Structure formats: structure tokens, C-alpha cells
Amino acid sequence: MKTLQGAPRTYFDHPVDDSLKVFCRRLLDMASVEQMAREAIKFLLQSPCSLEDFPYVENSYSRTILHRQPGGFEVMIARWSRGAVTVIHGHPSFGFYYLLEGRLEVENFERDGSRVRKVSERIWLPDESFSIRGKSQRFDNGIHRIRVLEESLSFHMYSDDGLKGECFDQVTR
């Protein structure tokens, strides 16, 4: 598999369905992150997105920001190029992920001093979701690596900019 050829490309104000942008702005009015996740899945099932709606980046992925609060909360859709592999990385204290199309392998790691140790892996299929909850003000939560098995489209919510995640290159065997 190919590793990412540089950083993913981020797009703002991409001409996706306006109802999706309006919905994303309303997410913060919800009572809990669990409610946000349930409502996001319900909305996405009723208002499907497709790969063609989002920019393609060879050997990497594109990030289309649907909503971002100053200093925090972000909602985005990622379009993944087949064969791309991310670095091992963490995220802010909360993350929610929902796969719209495609197939991804997610390898999960835990911190082992300055290194990380692989603890599990699974194939992520359409209509599946998962979330992470970790320590606030940290960007080493939910440490994982994504291997793109086929071109894919995923929905993401983060408590902060998802690209602030800490990256790791040392793995404990």
C-alpha cells in the first residue's frame, strides 16, 4: 500500500448540499455528544452524500470542512484515495466517525512511553460508526492508522481541529 504523498488537502465552502452545512451548524445545540452522533447518522441516512460530491486527492485524502467553530469543534467529510495509508496519529478529546462509502482498515494503538503498541485492527464498512473519548487538551486520544482498502467517504466530528493530532513513528513490537 502507498503511504500518503504529503499532507491531506483541506477545502472550505465546498459546494456540498446546503442542508448538510445547516445541519452541522445545529449540532452544537444538542444536549450530548451521544445525541450529536445519533442525529448525524439519522441525517446522513436521509440525505446521502457520494464520492463525486467531494474533491479527490491521489495517494491521500481530502478534508471538506462543513463547519468549524473558532478554537474548537469541527465537522468534516473525508474522501479517501484507494491504497493510501495514514501515519499513526491521535486526535482531540472527542471524535466521531461514520463511514458513508468504501472500506477502510483501522489499526488501533495505545501509547507505550514515547512509542505506541498495536492493540487491535478491524475493517470498517459502510453505515458503521465509532467514537473516541479521551483526555481534554490532549491530541493523543484514539491513536490509530487508516489503510484505505477501496475509495471511501467518511463523516467526522471532532472537539477540535482534527489535524492537531499527535503523530507517531515508533512502534513497540
C-alpha atoms as a PDB file:
ATOM      1  CA  MET A   1       0.000   0.000   0.000  1.00  0.00           C
ATOM      2  CA  LYS A   2       1.094   3.552  -0.691  1.00  0.00           C
ATOM      3  CA  THR A   3       1.764   5.957   2.138  1.00  0.00           C
ATOM      4  CA  LEU A   4       0.328   9.442   1.952  1.00  0.00           C
ATOM      5  CA  GLN A   5       2.121  11.674  -0.525  1.00  0.00           C
ATOM      6  CA  GLY A   6       2.200  14.753   1.682  1.00  0.00           C
ATOM      7  CA  ALA A   7      -0.497  16.180   3.880  1.00  0.00           C
ATOM      8  CA  PRO A   8      -4.156  15.796   3.080  1.00  0.00           C
ATOM      9  CA  ARG A   9      -5.768  18.748   1.320  1.00  0.00           C
ATOM     10  CA  THR A  10      -8.350  20.752   3.221  1.00  0.00           C
ATOM     11  CA  TYR A  11     -11.220  22.521   1.480  1.00  0.00           C
ATOM     12  CA  PHE A  12     -13.634  25.102   2.871  1.00  0.00           C
ATOM     13  CA  ASP A  13     -17.011  26.104   1.471  1.00  0.00           C
ATOM     14  CA  HIS A  14     -17.051  23.247  -0.991  1.00  0.00           C
ATOM     15  CA  PRO A  15     -20.383  23.300  -2.823  1.00  0.00           C
ATOM     16  CA  VAL A  16     -21.955  20.368  -0.977  1.00  0.00           C
ATOM     17  CA  ASP A  17     -25.650  20.242  -0.172  1.00  0.00           C
ATOM     18  CA  ASP A  18     -26.551  23.340   1.913  1.00  0.00           C
ATOM     19  CA  SER A  19     -28.826  21.264   4.150  1.00  0.00           C
ATOM     20  CA  LEU A  20     -25.734  19.356   5.334  1.00  0.00           C
ATOM     21  CA  LYS A  21     -23.960  22.597   6.260  1.00  0.00           C
ATOM     22  CA  VAL A  22     -27.056  23.875   8.096  1.00  0.00           C
ATOM     23  CA  PHE A  23     -27.363  20.588   9.977  1.00  0.00           C
ATOM     24  CA  CYS A  24     -23.683  20.700  11.023  1.00  0.00           C
ATOM     25  CA  ARG A  25     -24.124  24.186  12.494  1.00  0.00           C
ATOM     26  CA  ARG A  26     -27.039  22.871  14.601  1.00  0.00           C
ATOM     27  CA  LEU A  27     -25.036  20.011  16.113  1.00  0.00           C
ATOM     28  CA  LEU A  28     -23.654  22.140  18.954  1.00  0.00           C
ATOM     29  CA  ASP A  29     -27.203  22.866  20.160  1.00  0.00           C
ATOM     30  CA  MET A  30     -27.659  19.198  21.045  1.00  0.00           C
ATOM     31  CA  ALA A  31     -27.525  18.039  24.642  1.00  0.00           C
ATOM     32  CA  SER A  32     -24.728  15.461  24.409  1.00  0.00           C
ATOM     33  CA  VAL A  33     -22.158  14.003  22.073  1.00  0.00           C
ATOM     34  CA  GLU A  34     -24.221  10.806  22.004  1.00  0.00           C
ATOM     35  CA  GLN A  35     -27.224  12.774  20.712  1.00  0.00           C
ATOM     36  CA  MET A  36     -24.983  14.507  18.168  1.00  0.00           C
ATOM     37  CA  ALA A  37     -23.805  11.106  16.880  1.00  0.00           C
ATOM     38  CA  ARG A  38     -27.348   9.663  16.686  1.00  0.00           C
ATOM     39  CA  GLU A  39     -28.681  12.730  14.865  1.00  0.00           C
ATOM     40  CA  ALA A  40     -25.712  12.805  12.467  1.00  0.00           C
ATOM     41  CA  ILE A  41     -26.313   9.184  11.451  1.00  0.00           C
ATOM     42  CA  LYS A  42     -30.049   9.801  11.025  1.00  0.00           C
ATOM     43  CA  PHE A  43     -29.399  12.897   8.886  1.00  0.00           C
ATOM     44  CA  LEU A  44     -26.775  11.166   6.726  1.00  0.00           C
ATOM     45  CA  LEU A  45     -29.073   8.206   6.081  1.00  0.00           C
ATOM     46  CA  GLN A  46     -31.822  10.603   4.935  1.00  0.00           C
ATOM     47  CA  SER A  47     -29.518  12.886   2.920  1.00  0.00           C
ATOM     48  CA  PRO A  48     -26.883  10.667   1.311  1.00  0.00           C
ATOM     49  CA  CYS A  49     -23.542  12.040   0.088  1.00  0.00           C
ATOM     50  CA  SER A  50     -21.472  10.437  -2.652  1.00  0.00           C
ATOM     51  CA  LEU A  51     -17.810  10.307  -3.582  1.00  0.00           C
ATOM     52  CA  GLU A  52     -18.419  12.594  -6.562  1.00  0.00           C
ATOM     53  CA  ASP A  53     -19.547  15.387  -4.210  1.00  0.00           C
ATOM     54  CA  PHE A  54     -16.044  15.783  -2.741  1.00  0.00           C
ATOM     55  CA  PRO A  55     -12.559  16.507  -4.151  1.00  0.00           C
ATOM     56  CA  TYR A  56     -10.262  13.591  -4.985  1.00  0.00           C
ATOM     57  CA  VAL A  57      -6.585  13.660  -3.921  1.00  0.00           C
ATOM     58  CA  GLU A  58      -4.334  10.931  -5.349  1.00  0.00           C
ATOM     59  CA  ASN A  59      -2.462   8.825  -2.729  1.00  0.00           C
ATOM     60  CA  SER A  60      -4.029  10.747   0.154  1.00  0.00           C
ATOM     61  CA  TYR A  61      -7.384  12.205   1.115  1.00  0.00           C
ATOM     62  CA  SER A  62      -9.308  15.434   1.029  1.00  0.00           C
ATOM     63  CA  ARG A  63     -10.911  17.078   4.052  1.00  0.00           C
ATOM     64  CA  THR A  64     -14.004  19.144   3.269  1.00  0.00           C
ATOM     65  CA  ILE A  65     -14.791  21.268   6.324  1.00  0.00           C
ATOM     66  CA  LEU A  66     -18.551  21.578   6.720  1.00  0.00           C
ATOM     67  CA  HIS A  67     -18.423  23.550   9.955  1.00  0.00           C
ATOM     68  CA  ARG A  68     -15.704  24.787  12.300  1.00  0.00           C
ATOM     69  CA  GLN A  69     -16.131  26.764  15.496  1.00  0.00           C
ATOM     70  CA  PRO A  70     -13.330  29.211  16.354  1.00  0.00           C
ATOM     71  CA  GLY A  71     -10.992  27.462  18.780  1.00  0.00           C
ATOM     72  CA  GLY A  72     -12.692  24.085  18.631  1.00  0.00           C
ATOM     73  CA  PHE A  73     -15.458  21.865  17.246  1.00  0.00           C
ATOM     74  CA  GLU A  74     -15.065  20.707  13.629  1.00  0.00           C
ATOM     75  CA  VAL A  75     -17.286  18.711  11.252  1.00  0.00           C
ATOM     76  CA  MET A  76     -15.851  17.401   8.005  1.00  0.00           C
ATOM     77  CA  ILE A  77     -16.112  14.782   5.299  1.00  0.00           C
ATOM     78  CA  ALA A  78     -13.029  12.901   4.115  1.00  0.00           C
ATOM     79  CA  ARG A  79     -12.684  11.370   0.653  1.00  0.00           C
ATOM     80  CA  TRP A  80     -10.017   8.670   0.762  1.00  0.00           C
ATOM     81  CA  SER A  81      -7.880   7.520  -2.189  1.00  0.00           C
ATOM     82  CA  ARG A  82      -7.585   3.738  -2.533  1.00  0.00           C
ATOM     83  CA  GLY A  83      -4.260   2.425  -1.269  1.00  0.00           C
ATOM     84  CA  ALA A  84      -3.389   5.421   0.908  1.00  0.00           C
ATOM     85  CA  VAL A  85      -2.140   4.811   4.459  1.00  0.00           C
ATOM     86  CA  THR A  86      -2.087   7.495   7.142  1.00  0.00           C
ATOM     87  CA  VAL A  87       0.648   7.910   9.699  1.00  0.00           C
ATOM     88  CA  ILE A  88      -0.131   6.608  13.171  1.00  0.00           C
ATOM     89  CA  HIS A  89      -1.883   9.545  14.819  1.00  0.00           C
ATOM     90  CA  GLY A  90      -4.092  10.683  17.673  1.00  0.00           C
ATOM     91  CA  HIS A  91      -6.974  13.133  17.927  1.00  0.00           C
ATOM     92  CA  PRO A  92      -8.518  15.664  20.307  1.00  0.00           C
ATOM     93  CA  SER A  93     -10.620  14.572  23.291  1.00  0.00           C
ATOM     94  CA  PHE A  94     -13.703  13.647  21.256  1.00  0.00           C
ATOM     95  CA  GLY A  95     -14.062  12.174  17.795  1.00  0.00           C
ATOM     96  CA  PHE A  96     -16.986  10.552  15.993  1.00  0.00           C
ATOM     97  CA  TYR A  97     -16.632   8.741  12.669  1.00  0.00           C
ATOM     98  CA  TYR A  98     -19.234   7.325  10.274  1.00  0.00           C
ATOM     99  CA  LEU A  99     -18.361   5.531   7.026  1.00  0.00           C
ATOM    100  CA  LEU A 100     -20.617   6.531   4.135  1.00  0.00           C
ATOM    101  CA  GLU A 101     -18.956   4.544   1.311  1.00  0.00           C
ATOM    102  CA  GLY A 102     -15.993   2.250   0.820  1.00  0.00           C
ATOM    103  CA  ARG A 103     -13.905   0.062   3.072  1.00  0.00           C
ATOM    104  CA  LEU A 104     -11.133   1.071   5.480  1.00  0.00           C
ATOM    105  CA  GLU A 105      -8.862  -0.872   7.806  1.00  0.00           C
ATOM    106  CA  VAL A 106      -8.422   0.815  11.178  1.00  0.00           C
ATOM    107  CA  GLU A 107      -5.440  -0.220  13.303  1.00  0.00           C
ATOM    108  CA  ASN A 108      -5.730   0.919  16.932  1.00  0.00           C
ATOM    109  CA  PHE A 109      -2.726   1.674  19.134  1.00  0.00           C
ATOM    110  CA  GLU A 110      -2.063   2.673  22.719  1.00  0.00           C
ATOM    111  CA  ARG A 111       0.745   4.813  23.971  1.00  0.00           C
ATOM    112  CA  ASP A 112       3.761   2.976  25.408  1.00  0.00           C
ATOM    113  CA  GLY A 113       6.042   5.764  26.643  1.00  0.00           C
ATOM    114  CA  SER A 114       7.251   7.663  23.568  1.00  0.00           C
ATOM    115  CA  ARG A 115       6.198   4.775  21.312  1.00  0.00           C
ATOM    116  CA  VAL A 116       2.892   3.128  20.526  1.00  0.00           C
ATOM    117  CA  ARG A 117       1.803  -0.514  20.604  1.00  0.00           C
ATOM    118  CA  LYS A 118      -0.797  -2.010  18.280  1.00  0.00           C
ATOM    119  CA  VAL A 119      -3.776  -3.359  20.233  1.00  0.00           C
ATOM    120  CA  SER A 120      -6.359  -4.208  17.556  1.00  0.00           C
ATOM    121  CA  GLU A 121      -7.432  -3.847  13.968  1.00  0.00           C
ATOM    122  CA  ARG A 122     -10.724  -4.115  12.137  1.00  0.00           C
ATOM    123  CA  ILE A 123     -12.310  -3.474   8.775  1.00  0.00           C
ATOM    124  CA  TRP A 124     -14.697  -0.524   8.777  1.00  0.00           C
ATOM    125  CA  LEU A 125     -17.700  -0.919   6.435  1.00  0.00           C
ATOM    126  CA  PRO A 126     -20.437   1.489   5.223  1.00  0.00           C
ATOM    127  CA  ASP A 127     -23.018   2.539   7.834  1.00  0.00           C
ATOM    128  CA  GLU A 128     -20.644   1.670  10.684  1.00  0.00           C
ATOM    129  CA  SER A 129     -19.560   4.265  13.197  1.00  0.00           C
ATOM    130  CA  PHE A 130     -17.226   4.557  16.130  1.00  0.00           C
ATOM    131  CA  SER A 131     -16.222   7.273  18.543  1.00  0.00           C
ATOM    132  CA  ILE A 132     -13.362   8.136  20.846  1.00  0.00           C
ATOM    133  CA  ARG A 133     -13.402   9.919  24.155  1.00  0.00           C
ATOM    134  CA  GLY A 134     -10.170  10.893  25.787  1.00  0.00           C
ATOM    135  CA  LYS A 135      -8.417  13.471  27.883  1.00  0.00           C
ATOM    136  CA  SER A 136      -9.176  17.108  27.174  1.00  0.00           C
ATOM    137  CA  GLN A 137      -6.426  19.436  25.953  1.00  0.00           C
ATOM    138  CA  ARG A 138      -4.568  16.381  24.588  1.00  0.00           C
ATOM    139  CA  PHE A 139      -4.150  15.269  20.983  1.00  0.00           C
ATOM    140  CA  ASP A 140      -3.034  11.676  21.580  1.00  0.00           C
ATOM    141  CA  ASN A 141      -6.515  10.215  22.059  1.00  0.00           C
ATOM    142  CA  GLY A 142      -7.837   7.356  19.939  1.00  0.00           C
ATOM    143  CA  ILE A 143      -4.437   6.623  18.369  1.00  0.00           C
ATOM    144  CA  HIS A 144      -4.883   4.816  15.044  1.00  0.00           C
ATOM    145  CA  ARG A 145      -3.742   4.357  11.461  1.00  0.00           C
ATOM    146  CA  ILE A 146      -6.064   4.124   8.447  1.00  0.00           C
ATOM    147  CA  ARG A 147      -5.381   1.857   5.450  1.00  0.00           C
ATOM    148  CA  VAL A 148      -7.700   2.613   2.547  1.00  0.00           C
ATOM    149  CA  LEU A 149      -8.856  -0.691   1.023  1.00  0.00           C
ATOM    150  CA  GLU A 150     -11.135   0.973  -1.555  1.00  0.00           C
ATOM    151  CA  GLU A 151     -12.018   4.558  -2.348  1.00  0.00           C
ATOM    152  CA  SER A 152     -14.058   5.752   0.623  1.00  0.00           C
ATOM    153  CA  LEU A 153     -16.081   8.614   2.086  1.00  0.00           C
ATOM    154  CA  SER A 154     -16.371   9.251   5.831  1.00  0.00           C
ATOM    155  CA  PHE A 155     -18.047  11.793   8.118  1.00  0.00           C
ATOM    156  CA  HIS A 156     -16.059  13.136  11.116  1.00  0.00           C
ATOM    157  CA  MET A 157     -16.857  15.298  14.163  1.00  0.00           C
ATOM    158  CA  TYR A 158     -14.040  16.475  16.431  1.00  0.00           C
ATOM    159  CA  SER A 159     -13.903  18.535  19.607  1.00  0.00           C
ATOM    160  CA  ASP A 160     -11.056  20.481  17.968  1.00  0.00           C
ATOM    161  CA  ASP A 161      -9.163  20.636  14.661  1.00  0.00           C
ATOM    162  CA  GLY A 162      -8.558  17.009  13.678  1.00  0.00           C
ATOM    163  CA  LEU A 163      -5.162  17.841  12.160  1.00  0.00           C
ATOM    164  CA  LYS A 164      -3.733  18.841  15.536  1.00  0.00           C
ATOM    165  CA  GLY A 165      -3.397  15.149  16.422  1.00  0.00           C
ATOM    166  CA  GLU A 166      -0.039  13.923  17.619  1.00  0.00           C
ATOM    167  CA  CYS A 167       1.816  11.682  15.114  1.00  0.00           C
ATOM    168  CA  PHE A 168       3.905   8.626  15.995  1.00  0.00           C
ATOM    169  CA  ASP A 169       6.565   6.750  14.046  1.00  0.00           C
ATOM    170  CA  GLN A 170       7.960   4.444  16.722  1.00  0.00           C
ATOM    171  CA  VAL A 171       6.052   1.199  17.274  1.00  0.00           C
ATOM    172  CA  THR A 172       6.768  -1.245  20.129  1.00  0.00           C
ATOM    173  CA  ARG A 173       6.879  -4.800  18.810  1.00  0.00           C
END
